[in-house]
Amino acid sequence: MSSQPIIAAEQASPLHEAETEIRHLRDTVSTLRAELERQQHEKQAAVQTAVSEASQELQQVRDTARSLRDALEKLQFENREAVQKAVADSSGEIQQLRHMAQALRDQIEKMRFEKQEAVQTAVVEVNTENTQLRATVQRLRDELEKLRFDMTEAVQQVRQDSAQEIATLRDTARSLRDELERVKFNYADELQDKDRNSREELSHLRGTIVALRDKLDRPHAE
């Protein structure tokens, strides 16, 4: 379809050239006629010669015009044939475009149907996944609640055990403190007894020493 203006332009170009040449020849004829009229005043013989030459040239122009007319008619005939061929080609191209448009329309419908199926499949998969995720979330929530309950019980048990252990440790500390006080008291008594015994022994030893000195001193005195 887009080739018609190009064909018309190519066909119009020789016609335009022919018309331009005809106008140019007509201008030439007018110039020659003017020249003949001017020369008619100068020489009659030259005028007759010029008229004869002009007549011959006019005949040539007529022959040229006839040839151009024939060429133009041939060009017009060829142009009509080219137009008819272009119309036929355009009709074939239009038919091909219609078939192509129908094929594209069918392809679009097929893609639209496949898209709907894909969307439905995706929706089903998403719903299934959502159901699974909800079940997983519920299971995790239950496990979390159980874990919190177990942790609460464990903390309470630890606190109870810790309280019992602390009470036991306190009793043990109290017993150890009492035992330590008893040991300290016994040690103080024992220490006092040992000190007393040491003093008594020391006094006894001193008395023995004094007695022995007296015994030693007596022979010297006698």
N, C-alpha and C. Protein backbone atom coordinates (compact mmCIF):
# COMPACT_ATOMS: atom_id res chain seq x y z
N MET A 1 0.83 -1.21 0.00
CA MET A 1 0.00 0.00 0.00
C MET A 1 0.86 1.26 0.00
N SER A 2 1.97 1.24 0.72
CA SER A 2 2.83 2.41 0.78
C SER A 2 3.61 2.62 -0.49
N SER A 3 3.60 1.63 -1.46
CA SER A 3 4.36 1.75 -2.71
C SER A 3 3.59 2.51 -3.77
N GLN A 4 2.26 2.79 -3.57
CA GLN A 4 1.47 3.48 -4.59
C GLN A 4 1.95 4.90 -4.85
N PRO A 5 2.22 5.70 -3.77
CA PRO A 5 2.73 7.07 -4.06
C PRO A 5 4.05 7.05 -4.79
N ILE A 6 4.91 6.05 -4.49
CA ILE A 6 6.22 5.99 -5.18
C ILE A 6 6.02 5.66 -6.65
N ILE A 7 5.11 4.70 -6.93
CA ILE A 7 4.84 4.34 -8.34
C ILE A 7 4.22 5.52 -9.08
N ALA A 8 3.28 6.21 -8.43
CA ALA A 8 2.64 7.36 -9.07
C ALA A 8 3.65 8.45 -9.36
N ALA A 9 4.60 8.64 -8.40
CA ALA A 9 5.62 9.67 -8.60
C ALA A 9 6.53 9.30 -9.76
N GLU A 10 6.89 7.97 -9.85
CA GLU A 10 7.75 7.54 -10.95
C GLU A 10 7.03 7.67 -12.29
N GLN A 11 5.71 7.41 -12.29
CA GLN A 11 4.96 7.52 -13.54
C GLN A 11 4.71 8.97 -13.92
N ALA A 12 4.55 9.83 -12.92
CA ALA A 12 4.28 11.24 -13.21
C ALA A 12 5.53 11.97 -13.69
N SER A 13 6.71 11.42 -13.36
CA SER A 13 7.94 12.13 -13.72
C SER A 13 8.13 12.24 -15.23
N PRO A 14 7.98 11.17 -16.04
CA PRO A 14 8.12 11.33 -17.50
C PRO A 14 7.06 12.27 -18.08
N LEU A 15 5.84 12.23 -17.53
CA LEU A 15 4.79 13.12 -18.02
C LEU A 15 5.16 14.58 -17.77
N HIS A 16 5.69 14.82 -16.58
CA HIS A 16 6.09 16.19 -16.26
C HIS A 16 7.22 16.66 -17.18
N GLU A 17 8.15 15.75 -17.43
CA GLU A 17 9.25 16.11 -18.34
C GLU A 17 8.71 16.40 -19.76
N ALA A 18 7.75 15.58 -20.18
CA ALA A 18 7.18 15.78 -21.51
C ALA A 18 6.46 17.12 -21.60
N GLU A 19 5.67 17.44 -20.60
CA GLU A 19 4.97 18.73 -20.60
C GLU A 19 5.96 19.89 -20.58
N THR A 20 7.02 19.71 -19.78
CA THR A 20 8.04 20.78 -19.73
C THR A 20 8.70 20.96 -21.10
N GLU A 21 8.98 19.83 -21.75
CA GLU A 21 9.60 19.92 -23.08
C GLU A 21 8.65 20.55 -24.09
N ILE A 22 7.35 20.22 -23.98
CA ILE A 22 6.37 20.82 -24.90
C ILE A 22 6.30 22.32 -24.69
N ARG A 23 6.27 22.72 -23.42
CA ARG A 23 6.24 24.18 -23.15
C ARG A 23 7.50 24.85 -23.68
N HIS A 24 8.63 24.13 -23.47
CA HIS A 24 9.89 24.69 -23.98
C HIS A 24 9.86 24.82 -25.51
N LEU A 25 9.31 23.81 -26.18
CA LEU A 25 9.22 23.86 -27.63
C LEU A 25 8.26 24.96 -28.09
N ARG A 26 7.16 25.11 -27.34
CA ARG A 26 6.22 26.18 -27.68
C ARG A 26 6.88 27.55 -27.52
N ASP A 27 7.65 27.66 -26.42
CA ASP A 27 8.39 28.93 -26.24
C ASP A 27 9.37 29.16 -27.38
N THR A 28 9.99 28.06 -27.80
CA THR A 28 10.94 28.18 -28.93
C THR A 28 10.23 28.62 -30.21
N VAL A 29 9.04 28.02 -30.43
CA VAL A 29 8.24 28.40 -31.61
C VAL A 29 7.87 29.87 -31.57
N SER A 30 7.45 30.32 -30.39
CA SER A 30 7.09 31.74 -30.25
C SER A 30 8.28 32.63 -30.53
N THR A 31 9.45 32.19 -30.02
CA THR A 31 10.67 32.98 -30.25
C THR A 31 11.01 33.01 -31.73
N LEU A 32 10.86 31.86 -32.37
CA LEU A 32 11.17 31.81 -33.81
C LEU A 32 10.20 32.68 -34.62
N ARG A 33 8.93 32.66 -34.22
CA ARG A 33 7.96 33.48 -34.93
C ARG A 33 8.30 34.96 -34.77
N ALA A 34 8.70 35.31 -33.55
CA ALA A 34 9.10 36.71 -33.34
C ALA A 34 10.32 37.05 -34.19
N GLU A 35 11.23 36.08 -34.23
CA GLU A 35 12.43 36.30 -35.03
C GLU A 35 12.09 36.43 -36.52
N LEU A 36 11.10 35.60 -36.97
CA LEU A 36 10.68 35.67 -38.37
C LEU A 36 10.04 37.02 -38.68
N GLU A 37 9.22 37.51 -37.77
CA GLU A 37 8.57 38.81 -37.99
C GLU A 37 9.61 39.92 -38.06
N ARG A 38 10.64 39.78 -37.19
CA ARG A 38 11.68 40.81 -37.22
C ARG A 38 12.49 40.76 -38.52
N GLN A 39 12.78 39.49 -38.89
CA GLN A 39 13.57 39.35 -40.11
C GLN A 39 12.75 39.66 -41.37
N GLN A 40 11.40 39.62 -41.27
CA GLN A 40 10.55 39.91 -42.42
C GLN A 40 10.73 41.35 -42.88
N HIS A 41 11.03 42.20 -41.90
CA HIS A 41 11.28 43.61 -42.24
C HIS A 41 12.65 43.79 -42.87
N GLU A 42 13.52 42.89 -42.59
CA GLU A 42 14.88 43.03 -43.12
C GLU A 42 14.99 42.44 -44.52
N LYS A 43 14.65 41.17 -44.61
CA LYS A 43 14.77 40.51 -45.92
C LYS A 43 13.60 39.60 -46.15
N GLN A 44 12.94 39.75 -47.23
CA GLN A 44 11.81 38.91 -47.57
C GLN A 44 12.28 37.51 -47.85
N ALA A 45 13.42 37.41 -48.50
CA ALA A 45 13.93 36.07 -48.83
C ALA A 45 14.29 35.31 -47.57
N ALA A 46 14.91 36.04 -46.65
CA ALA A 46 15.31 35.40 -45.40
C ALA A 46 14.08 34.97 -44.61
N VAL A 47 12.97 35.83 -44.78
CA VAL A 47 11.72 35.49 -44.08
C VAL A 47 11.16 34.18 -44.64
N GLN A 48 11.16 34.08 -45.97
CA GLN A 48 10.62 32.86 -46.57
C GLN A 48 11.43 31.64 -46.16
N THR A 49 12.75 31.85 -46.13
CA THR A 49 13.60 30.72 -45.69
C THR A 49 13.31 30.35 -44.23
N ALA A 50 13.18 31.41 -43.44
CA ALA A 50 12.90 31.16 -42.02
C ALA A 50 11.55 30.50 -41.84
N VAL A 51 10.54 30.95 -42.65
CA VAL A 51 9.21 30.35 -42.55
C VAL A 51 9.27 28.87 -42.94
N SER A 52 10.07 28.59 -44.00
CA SER A 52 10.21 27.20 -44.42
C SER A 52 10.85 26.36 -43.31
N GLU A 53 11.93 26.93 -42.74
CA GLU A 53 12.60 26.22 -41.64
C GLU A 53 11.67 26.06 -40.43
N ALA A 54 10.88 27.15 -40.19
CA ALA A 54 9.95 27.07 -39.05
C ALA A 54 8.89 26.02 -39.29
N SER A 55 8.43 25.93 -40.57
CA SER A 55 7.42 24.93 -40.89
C SER A 55 7.98 23.53 -40.67
N GLN A 56 9.22 23.34 -41.10
CA GLN A 56 9.85 22.04 -40.87
C GLN A 56 10.01 21.74 -39.36
N GLU A 57 10.46 22.75 -38.66
CA GLU A 57 10.63 22.55 -37.20
C GLU A 57 9.30 22.31 -36.53
N LEU A 58 8.22 23.03 -37.04
CA LEU A 58 6.90 22.82 -36.48
C LEU A 58 6.43 21.40 -36.73
N GLN A 59 6.74 20.90 -37.92
CA GLN A 59 6.38 19.53 -38.21
C GLN A 59 7.10 18.57 -37.27
N GLN A 60 8.38 18.91 -37.04
CA GLN A 60 9.14 18.10 -36.09
C GLN A 60 8.53 18.17 -34.69
N VAL A 61 8.08 19.38 -34.32
CA VAL A 61 7.44 19.54 -33.01
C VAL A 61 6.17 18.72 -32.95
N ARG A 62 5.38 18.79 -34.09
CA ARG A 62 4.15 17.99 -34.12
C ARG A 62 4.47 16.51 -34.01
N ASP A 63 5.49 16.11 -34.77
CA ASP A 63 5.89 14.70 -34.68
C ASP A 63 6.35 14.36 -33.25
N THR A 64 7.11 15.28 -32.69
CA THR A 64 7.57 15.06 -31.30
C THR A 64 6.40 15.00 -30.34
N ALA A 65 5.42 15.93 -30.54
CA ALA A 65 4.24 15.96 -29.69
C ALA A 65 3.45 14.67 -29.84
N ARG A 66 3.33 14.19 -31.13
CA ARG A 66 2.60 12.94 -31.36
C ARG A 66 3.32 11.79 -30.65
N SER A 67 4.66 11.79 -30.77
CA SER A 67 5.44 10.74 -30.10
C SER A 67 5.26 10.82 -28.58
N LEU A 68 5.28 12.05 -28.08
CA LEU A 68 5.09 12.23 -26.64
C LEU A 68 3.69 11.80 -26.22
N ARG A 69 2.68 12.11 -27.11
CA ARG A 69 1.31 11.70 -26.79
C ARG A 69 1.21 10.18 -26.75
N ASP A 70 1.84 9.54 -27.73
CA ASP A 70 1.84 8.07 -27.73
C ASP A 70 2.54 7.52 -26.49
N ALA A 71 3.69 8.13 -26.18
CA ALA A 71 4.43 7.68 -24.99
C ALA A 71 3.60 7.91 -23.73
N LEU A 72 2.87 9.08 -23.70
CA LEU A 72 2.03 9.37 -22.54
C LEU A 72 0.91 8.36 -22.42
N GLU A 73 0.26 8.05 -23.57
CA GLU A 73 -0.82 7.04 -23.53
C GLU A 73 -0.27 5.69 -23.07
N LYS A 74 0.92 5.33 -23.58
CA LYS A 74 1.53 4.08 -23.15
C LYS A 74 1.84 4.11 -21.65
N LEU A 75 2.35 5.28 -21.23
CA LEU A 75 2.66 5.43 -19.80
C LEU A 75 1.41 5.35 -18.95
N GLN A 76 0.31 5.97 -19.42
CA GLN A 76 -0.95 5.89 -18.70
C GLN A 76 -1.47 4.46 -18.62
N PHE A 77 -1.32 3.73 -19.76
CA PHE A 77 -1.75 2.34 -19.77
C PHE A 77 -0.91 1.52 -18.77
N GLU A 78 0.41 1.74 -18.84
CA GLU A 78 1.27 1.04 -17.90
C GLU A 78 0.96 1.44 -16.46
N ASN A 79 0.60 2.72 -16.29
CA ASN A 79 0.26 3.22 -14.96
C ASN A 79 -0.99 2.52 -14.44
N ARG A 80 -2.03 2.39 -15.35
CA ARG A 80 -3.24 1.70 -14.95
C ARG A 80 -2.95 0.24 -14.58
N GLU A 81 -2.10 -0.40 -15.40
CA GLU A 81 -1.75 -1.78 -15.08
C GLU A 81 -1.00 -1.86 -13.74
N ALA A 82 -0.08 -0.90 -13.52
CA ALA A 82 0.67 -0.89 -12.26
C ALA A 82 -0.25 -0.66 -11.08
N VAL A 83 -1.25 0.25 -11.29
CA VAL A 83 -2.20 0.53 -10.21
C VAL A 83 -3.02 -0.71 -9.90
N GLN A 84 -3.51 -1.38 -11.01
CA GLN A 84 -4.28 -2.61 -10.80
C GLN A 84 -3.44 -3.67 -10.09
N LYS A 85 -2.16 -3.78 -10.51
CA LYS A 85 -1.28 -4.75 -9.85
C LYS A 85 -1.06 -4.37 -8.39
N ALA A 86 -0.87 -3.05 -8.15
CA ALA A 86 -0.68 -2.59 -6.77
C ALA A 86 -1.92 -2.88 -5.93
N VAL A 87 -3.11 -2.65 -6.56
CA VAL A 87 -4.36 -2.93 -5.83
C VAL A 87 -4.45 -4.42 -5.51
N ALA A 88 -4.09 -5.25 -6.55
CA ALA A 88 -4.13 -6.71 -6.31
C ALA A 88 -3.15 -7.10 -5.22
N ASP A 89 -1.92 -6.52 -5.31
CA ASP A 89 -0.92 -6.82 -4.27
C ASP A 89 -1.41 -6.34 -2.92
N SER A 90 -2.03 -5.15 -2.90
CA SER A 90 -2.55 -4.62 -1.64
C SER A 90 -3.64 -5.51 -1.09
N SER A 91 -4.51 -6.00 -2.00
CA SER A 91 -5.56 -6.91 -1.55
C SER A 91 -4.96 -8.17 -0.93
N GLY A 92 -3.92 -8.71 -1.62
CA GLY A 92 -3.25 -9.88 -1.05
C GLY A 92 -2.60 -9.57 0.29
N GLU A 93 -1.97 -8.40 0.35
CA GLU A 93 -1.33 -8.01 1.61
C GLU A 93 -2.37 -7.80 2.70
N ILE A 94 -3.51 -7.17 2.32
CA ILE A 94 -4.59 -6.96 3.30
C ILE A 94 -5.12 -8.29 3.79
N GLN A 95 -5.26 -9.26 2.85
CA GLN A 95 -5.74 -10.58 3.24
C GLN A 95 -4.74 -11.24 4.20
N GLN A 96 -3.45 -11.10 3.88
CA GLN A 96 -2.43 -11.66 4.77
C GLN A 96 -2.48 -10.99 6.14
N LEU A 97 -2.66 -9.65 6.15
CA LEU A 97 -2.75 -8.94 7.41
C LEU A 97 -3.97 -9.38 8.20
N ARG A 98 -5.10 -9.63 7.47
CA ARG A 98 -6.30 -10.12 8.17
C ARG A 98 -6.05 -11.48 8.81
N HIS A 99 -5.39 -12.37 8.02
CA HIS A 99 -5.06 -13.69 8.58
C HIS A 99 -4.12 -13.55 9.78
N MET A 100 -3.14 -12.64 9.63
CA MET A 100 -2.19 -12.42 10.73
C MET A 100 -2.91 -11.86 11.96
N ALA A 101 -3.84 -10.91 11.73
CA ALA A 101 -4.60 -10.33 12.84
C ALA A 101 -5.44 -11.40 13.52
N GLN A 102 -6.06 -12.28 12.71
CA GLN A 102 -6.87 -13.35 13.29
C GLN A 102 -6.00 -14.31 14.09
N ALA A 103 -4.81 -14.62 13.53
CA ALA A 103 -3.89 -15.51 14.26
C ALA A 103 -3.45 -14.87 15.56
N LEU A 104 -3.14 -13.56 15.51
CA LEU A 104 -2.76 -12.85 16.74
C LEU A 104 -3.92 -12.82 17.73
N ARG A 105 -5.14 -12.61 17.22
CA ARG A 105 -6.31 -12.61 18.10
C ARG A 105 -6.48 -13.97 18.77
N ASP A 106 -6.32 -15.03 17.97
CA ASP A 106 -6.43 -16.38 18.55
C ASP A 106 -5.33 -16.62 19.58
N GLN A 107 -4.12 -16.12 19.26
CA GLN A 107 -3.01 -16.28 20.20
C GLN A 107 -3.28 -15.53 21.50
N ILE A 108 -3.84 -14.32 21.36
CA ILE A 108 -4.16 -13.52 22.55
C ILE A 108 -5.22 -14.22 23.39
N GLU A 109 -6.25 -14.77 22.72
CA GLU A 109 -7.29 -15.51 23.45
C GLU A 109 -6.70 -16.72 24.17
N LYS A 110 -5.79 -17.42 23.47
CA LYS A 110 -5.14 -18.57 24.08
C LYS A 110 -4.31 -18.14 25.29
N MET A 111 -3.55 -17.06 25.13
CA MET A 111 -2.74 -16.56 26.24
C MET A 111 -3.62 -16.10 27.39
N ARG A 112 -4.75 -15.46 27.06
CA ARG A 112 -5.66 -15.01 28.11
C ARG A 112 -6.23 -16.21 28.88
N PHE A 113 -6.60 -17.28 28.12
CA PHE A 113 -7.12 -18.48 28.78
C PHE A 113 -6.04 -19.12 29.65
N GLU A 114 -4.81 -19.21 29.10
CA GLU A 114 -3.71 -19.79 29.88
C GLU A 114 -3.41 -18.92 31.10
N LYS A 115 -3.53 -17.60 30.94
CA LYS A 115 -3.29 -16.71 32.08
C LYS A 115 -4.34 -16.94 33.17
N GLN A 116 -5.62 -17.09 32.75
CA GLN A 116 -6.66 -17.35 33.73
C GLN A 116 -6.42 -18.67 34.46
N GLU A 117 -6.02 -19.70 33.68
CA GLU A 117 -5.71 -20.98 34.31
C GLU A 117 -4.55 -20.84 35.27
N ALA A 118 -3.50 -20.10 34.84
CA ALA A 118 -2.34 -19.90 35.71
C ALA A 118 -2.72 -19.15 36.97
N VAL A 119 -3.59 -18.12 36.82
CA VAL A 119 -4.03 -17.36 37.99
C VAL A 119 -4.82 -18.24 38.94
N GLN A 120 -5.72 -19.05 38.38
CA GLN A 120 -6.51 -19.95 39.23
C GLN A 120 -5.61 -20.96 39.93
N THR A 121 -4.65 -21.51 39.18
CA THR A 121 -3.71 -22.44 39.80
C THR A 121 -2.92 -21.77 40.90
N ALA A 122 -2.47 -20.54 40.63
CA ALA A 122 -1.71 -19.80 41.64
C ALA A 122 -2.57 -19.51 42.87
N VAL A 123 -3.85 -19.17 42.63
CA VAL A 123 -4.75 -18.90 43.76
C VAL A 123 -4.93 -20.15 44.61
N VAL A 124 -5.13 -21.30 43.92
CA VAL A 124 -5.28 -22.56 44.66
C VAL A 124 -4.01 -22.87 45.46
N GLU A 125 -2.85 -22.69 44.79
CA GLU A 125 -1.59 -22.95 45.49
C GLU A 125 -1.40 -22.00 46.68
N VAL A 126 -1.76 -20.72 46.46
CA VAL A 126 -1.62 -19.75 47.55
C VAL A 126 -2.56 -20.10 48.70
N ASN A 127 -3.82 -20.49 48.37
CA ASN A 127 -4.76 -20.87 49.42
C ASN A 127 -4.25 -22.09 50.17
N THR A 128 -3.76 -23.08 49.41
CA THR A 128 -3.20 -24.28 50.06
C THR A 128 -2.04 -23.92 50.96
N GLU A 129 -1.15 -23.09 50.42
CA GLU A 129 0.01 -22.67 51.23
C GLU A 129 -0.43 -21.88 52.44
N ASN A 130 -1.46 -21.02 52.27
CA ASN A 130 -1.96 -20.25 53.42
C ASN A 130 -2.53 -21.19 54.48
N THR A 131 -3.29 -22.23 54.01
CA THR A 131 -3.84 -23.19 54.97
C THR A 131 -2.71 -23.90 55.72
N GLN A 132 -1.70 -24.33 54.98
CA GLN A 132 -0.56 -24.99 55.61
C GLN A 132 0.15 -24.05 56.58
N LEU A 133 0.32 -22.81 56.15
CA LEU A 133 1.00 -21.84 57.02
C LEU A 133 0.17 -21.57 58.28
N ARG A 134 -1.17 -21.47 58.11
CA ARG A 134 -2.01 -21.26 59.28
C ARG A 134 -1.91 -22.44 60.24
N ALA A 135 -1.92 -23.67 59.67
CA ALA A 135 -1.78 -24.85 60.52
C ALA A 135 -0.42 -24.85 61.22
N THR A 136 0.61 -24.47 60.47
CA THR A 136 1.96 -24.39 61.07
C THR A 136 2.01 -23.34 62.16
N VAL A 137 1.39 -22.18 61.90
CA VAL A 137 1.37 -21.11 62.90
C VAL A 137 0.62 -21.58 64.14
N GLN A 138 -0.53 -22.27 63.93
CA GLN A 138 -1.30 -22.77 65.08
C GLN A 138 -0.48 -23.79 65.87
N ARG A 139 0.19 -24.69 65.13
CA ARG A 139 1.01 -25.69 65.80
C ARG A 139 2.14 -25.03 66.58
N LEU A 140 2.80 -24.05 65.95
CA LEU A 140 3.87 -23.33 66.64
C LEU A 140 3.34 -22.56 67.84
N ARG A 141 2.11 -21.99 67.70
CA ARG A 141 1.52 -21.28 68.82
C ARG A 141 1.23 -22.24 69.98
N ASP A 142 0.70 -23.43 69.62
CA ASP A 142 0.44 -24.43 70.66
C ASP A 142 1.74 -24.87 71.32
N GLU A 143 2.77 -25.12 70.49
CA GLU A 143 4.05 -25.51 71.06
C GLU A 143 4.62 -24.40 71.95
N LEU A 144 4.42 -23.14 71.51
CA LEU A 144 4.91 -22.02 72.31
C LEU A 144 4.16 -21.93 73.63
N GLU A 145 2.83 -22.13 73.58
CA GLU A 145 2.05 -22.11 74.82
C GLU A 145 2.50 -23.24 75.74
N LYS A 146 2.69 -24.45 75.16
CA LYS A 146 3.16 -25.58 75.97
C LYS A 146 4.53 -25.29 76.55
N LEU A 147 5.40 -24.68 75.71
CA LEU A 147 6.74 -24.35 76.19
C LEU A 147 6.68 -23.33 77.31
N ARG A 148 5.79 -22.33 77.16
CA ARG A 148 5.64 -21.34 78.23
C ARG A 148 5.12 -22.02 79.51
N PHE A 149 4.13 -22.94 79.35
CA PHE A 149 3.60 -23.64 80.52
C PHE A 149 4.69 -24.48 81.17
N ASP A 150 5.44 -25.23 80.32
CA ASP A 150 6.53 -26.05 80.86
C ASP A 150 7.57 -25.18 81.53
N MET A 151 7.89 -24.03 80.90
CA MET A 151 8.88 -23.13 81.50
C MET A 151 8.37 -22.58 82.83
N THR A 152 7.06 -22.25 82.87
CA THR A 152 6.48 -21.75 84.13
C THR A 152 6.57 -22.80 85.21
N GLU A 153 6.19 -24.05 84.84
CA GLU A 153 6.29 -25.13 85.81
C GLU A 153 7.75 -25.36 86.22
N ALA A 154 8.64 -25.32 85.23
CA ALA A 154 10.06 -25.53 85.54
C ALA A 154 10.58 -24.44 86.46
N VAL A 155 10.17 -23.17 86.17
CA VAL A 155 10.62 -22.06 87.02
C VAL A 155 10.07 -22.23 88.43
N GLN A 156 8.78 -22.60 88.51
CA GLN A 156 8.20 -22.82 89.83
C GLN A 156 8.89 -23.97 90.56
N GLN A 157 9.19 -25.06 89.82
CA GLN A 157 9.88 -26.18 90.44
C GLN A 157 11.27 -25.77 90.89
N VAL A 158 11.96 -24.98 90.02
CA VAL A 158 13.30 -24.50 90.39
C VAL A 158 13.22 -23.61 91.61
N ARG A 159 12.21 -22.72 91.63
CA ARG A 159 12.05 -21.86 92.80
C ARG A 159 11.77 -22.68 94.06
N GLN A 160 10.88 -23.70 93.88
CA GLN A 160 10.57 -24.54 95.03
C GLN A 160 11.81 -25.30 95.50
N ASP A 161 12.51 -25.90 94.52
CA ASP A 161 13.74 -26.63 94.87
C ASP A 161 14.76 -25.68 95.47
N SER A 162 14.86 -24.46 94.89
CA SER A 162 15.81 -23.49 95.42
C SER A 162 15.43 -23.08 96.83
N ALA A 163 14.11 -22.90 97.05
CA ALA A 163 13.67 -22.53 98.40
C ALA A 163 14.00 -23.64 99.39
N GLN A 164 13.73 -24.91 98.97
CA GLN A 164 14.06 -26.01 99.86
C GLN A 164 15.56 -26.10 100.09
N GLU A 165 16.32 -25.91 99.00
CA GLU A 165 17.77 -25.98 99.15
C GLU A 165 18.29 -24.85 100.03
N ILE A 166 17.68 -23.66 99.84
CA ILE A 166 18.10 -22.53 100.66
C ILE A 166 17.78 -22.79 102.13
N ALA A 167 16.56 -23.35 102.36
CA ALA A 167 16.20 -23.68 103.74
C ALA A 167 17.16 -24.71 104.32
N THR A 168 17.48 -25.73 103.48
CA THR A 168 18.43 -26.75 103.93
C THR A 168 19.79 -26.12 104.22
N LEU A 169 20.22 -25.24 103.31
CA LEU A 169 21.51 -24.57 103.51
C LEU A 169 21.50 -23.70 104.75
N ARG A 170 20.35 -23.04 104.95
CA ARG A 170 20.26 -22.21 106.17
C ARG A 170 20.35 -23.09 107.43
N ASP A 171 19.61 -24.22 107.40
CA ASP A 171 19.70 -25.14 108.54
C ASP A 171 21.11 -25.64 108.72
N THR A 172 21.74 -26.01 107.57
CA THR A 172 23.12 -26.48 107.64
C THR A 172 24.04 -25.40 108.19
N ALA A 173 23.83 -24.15 107.70
CA ALA A 173 24.66 -23.05 108.19
C ALA A 173 24.44 -22.83 109.68
N ARG A 174 23.15 -22.94 110.09
CA ARG A 174 22.86 -22.76 111.52
C ARG A 174 23.52 -23.87 112.34
N SER A 175 23.43 -25.11 111.83
CA SER A 175 24.06 -26.23 112.53
C SER A 175 25.57 -26.07 112.60
N LEU A 176 26.13 -25.63 111.44
CA LEU A 176 27.58 -25.42 111.43
C LEU A 176 27.98 -24.29 112.36
N ARG A 177 27.12 -23.25 112.39
CA ARG A 177 27.42 -22.15 113.31
C ARG A 177 27.38 -22.62 114.77
N ASP A 178 26.32 -23.42 115.08
CA ASP A 178 26.23 -23.96 116.45
C ASP A 178 27.41 -24.87 116.76
N GLU A 179 27.76 -25.71 115.74
CA GLU A 179 28.90 -26.59 115.94
C GLU A 179 30.18 -25.81 116.12
N LEU A 180 30.29 -24.72 115.33
CA LEU A 180 31.47 -23.89 115.46
C LEU A 180 31.53 -23.23 116.84
N GLU A 181 30.38 -22.77 117.31
CA GLU A 181 30.35 -22.17 118.64
C GLU A 181 30.70 -23.21 119.71
N ARG A 182 30.16 -24.44 119.53
CA ARG A 182 30.46 -25.49 120.49
C ARG A 182 31.93 -25.84 120.47
N VAL A 183 32.48 -25.93 119.21
CA VAL A 183 33.91 -26.23 119.10
C VAL A 183 34.74 -25.13 119.72
N LYS A 184 34.34 -23.87 119.46
CA LYS A 184 35.07 -22.75 120.07
C LYS A 184 35.02 -22.82 121.59
N PHE A 185 33.78 -23.13 122.09
CA PHE A 185 33.62 -23.21 123.56
C PHE A 185 34.46 -24.33 124.13
N ASN A 186 34.37 -25.53 123.50
CA ASN A 186 35.16 -26.67 123.95
C ASN A 186 36.64 -26.38 123.85
N TYR A 187 37.02 -25.70 122.75
CA TYR A 187 38.44 -25.37 122.58
C TYR A 187 38.90 -24.40 123.66
N ALA A 188 38.02 -23.45 124.01
CA ALA A 188 38.38 -22.51 125.08
C ALA A 188 38.52 -23.24 126.41
N ASP A 189 37.59 -24.18 126.69
CA ASP A 189 37.68 -24.95 127.93
C ASP A 189 38.94 -25.80 127.94
N GLU A 190 39.14 -26.42 126.78
CA GLU A 190 40.34 -27.27 126.69
C GLU A 190 41.59 -26.44 126.82
N LEU A 191 41.55 -25.25 126.22
CA LEU A 191 42.71 -24.38 126.31
C LEU A 191 42.94 -23.93 127.76
N GLN A 192 41.83 -23.62 128.42
CA GLN A 192 41.97 -23.22 129.83
C GLN A 192 42.50 -24.38 130.67
N ASP A 193 41.97 -25.62 130.38
CA ASP A 193 42.47 -26.77 131.13
C ASP A 193 43.95 -26.99 130.87
N LYS A 194 44.34 -26.88 129.59
CA LYS A 194 45.75 -27.06 129.28
C LYS A 194 46.59 -25.98 129.93
N ASP A 195 46.05 -24.75 129.94
CA ASP A 195 46.81 -23.66 130.60
C ASP A 195 46.95 -23.92 132.10
N ARG A 196 45.82 -24.41 132.66
CA ARG A 196 45.85 -24.71 134.10
C ARG A 196 46.83 -25.83 134.39
N ASN A 197 46.74 -26.90 133.59
CA ASN A 197 47.65 -28.02 133.78
C ASN A 197 49.09 -27.60 133.58
N SER A 198 49.31 -26.72 132.56
CA SER A 198 50.67 -26.26 132.30
C SER A 198 51.20 -25.46 133.48
N ARG A 199 50.33 -24.64 134.03
CA ARG A 199 50.76 -23.84 135.19
C ARG A 199 51.05 -24.75 136.39
N GLU A 200 50.13 -25.70 136.59
CA GLU A 200 50.35 -26.63 137.71
C GLU A 200 51.62 -27.41 137.52
N GLU A 201 51.83 -27.89 136.26
CA GLU A 201 53.04 -28.64 135.99
C GLU A 201 54.27 -27.76 136.16
N LEU A 202 54.14 -26.53 135.67
CA LEU A 202 55.25 -25.60 135.81
C LEU A 202 55.54 -25.33 137.29
N SER A 203 54.47 -25.19 138.09
CA SER A 203 54.67 -24.94 139.53
C SER A 203 55.30 -26.16 140.19
N HIS A 204 54.82 -27.36 139.76
CA HIS A 204 55.39 -28.58 140.30
C HIS A 204 56.86 -28.70 139.95
N LEU A 205 57.19 -28.39 138.69
CA LEU A 205 58.58 -28.44 138.25
C LEU A 205 59.43 -27.43 139.04
N ARG A 206 58.85 -26.27 139.23
CA ARG A 206 59.61 -25.27 139.99
C ARG A 206 59.87 -25.77 141.44
N GLY A 207 58.78 -26.39 142.01
CA GLY A 207 58.96 -26.93 143.37
C GLY A 207 60.01 -28.03 143.41
N THR A 208 59.98 -28.88 142.36
CA THR A 208 60.97 -29.95 142.27
C THR A 208 62.36 -29.37 142.15
N ILE A 209 62.49 -28.35 141.33
CA ILE A 209 63.80 -27.72 141.14
C ILE A 209 64.30 -27.13 142.46
N VAL A 210 63.38 -26.48 143.18
CA VAL A 210 63.77 -25.88 144.45
C VAL A 210 64.19 -26.96 145.43
N ALA A 211 63.44 -28.09 145.42
CA ALA A 211 63.77 -29.19 146.33
C ALA A 211 65.10 -29.79 145.98
N LEU A 212 65.34 -29.94 144.68
CA LEU A 212 66.61 -30.50 144.25
C LEU A 212 67.76 -29.56 144.61
N ARG A 213 67.55 -28.27 144.48
CA ARG A 213 68.60 -27.33 144.85
C ARG A 213 68.90 -27.41 146.36
N ASP A 214 67.76 -27.57 147.08
CA ASP A 214 67.97 -27.66 148.54
C ASP A 214 68.78 -28.89 148.87
N LYS A 215 68.44 -30.02 148.19
CA LYS A 215 69.19 -31.24 148.42
C LYS A 215 70.65 -31.09 148.03
N LEU A 216 70.88 -30.37 146.95
CA LEU A 216 72.25 -30.17 146.49
C LEU A 216 73.01 -29.23 147.43
N ASP A 217 72.26 -28.28 147.94
CA ASP A 217 72.93 -27.31 148.81
C ASP A 217 73.23 -27.92 150.21
N ARG A 218 72.50 -28.86 150.65
CA ARG A 218 72.67 -29.39 152.01
C ARG A 218 74.05 -30.06 152.19
N PRO A 219 74.53 -30.93 151.39
CA PRO A 219 75.86 -31.51 151.61
C PRO A 219 76.94 -30.47 151.73
N HIS A 220 76.86 -29.42 150.98
CA HIS A 220 77.87 -28.35 151.05
C HIS A 220 77.78 -27.66 152.41
N ALA A 221 76.52 -27.52 152.91
CA ALA A 221 76.37 -26.83 154.19
C ALA A 221 76.87 -27.67 155.35
N GLU A 222 76.75 -28.99 155.28
CA GLU A 222 77.24 -29.85 156.32
C GLU A 222 78.75 -29.92 156.31
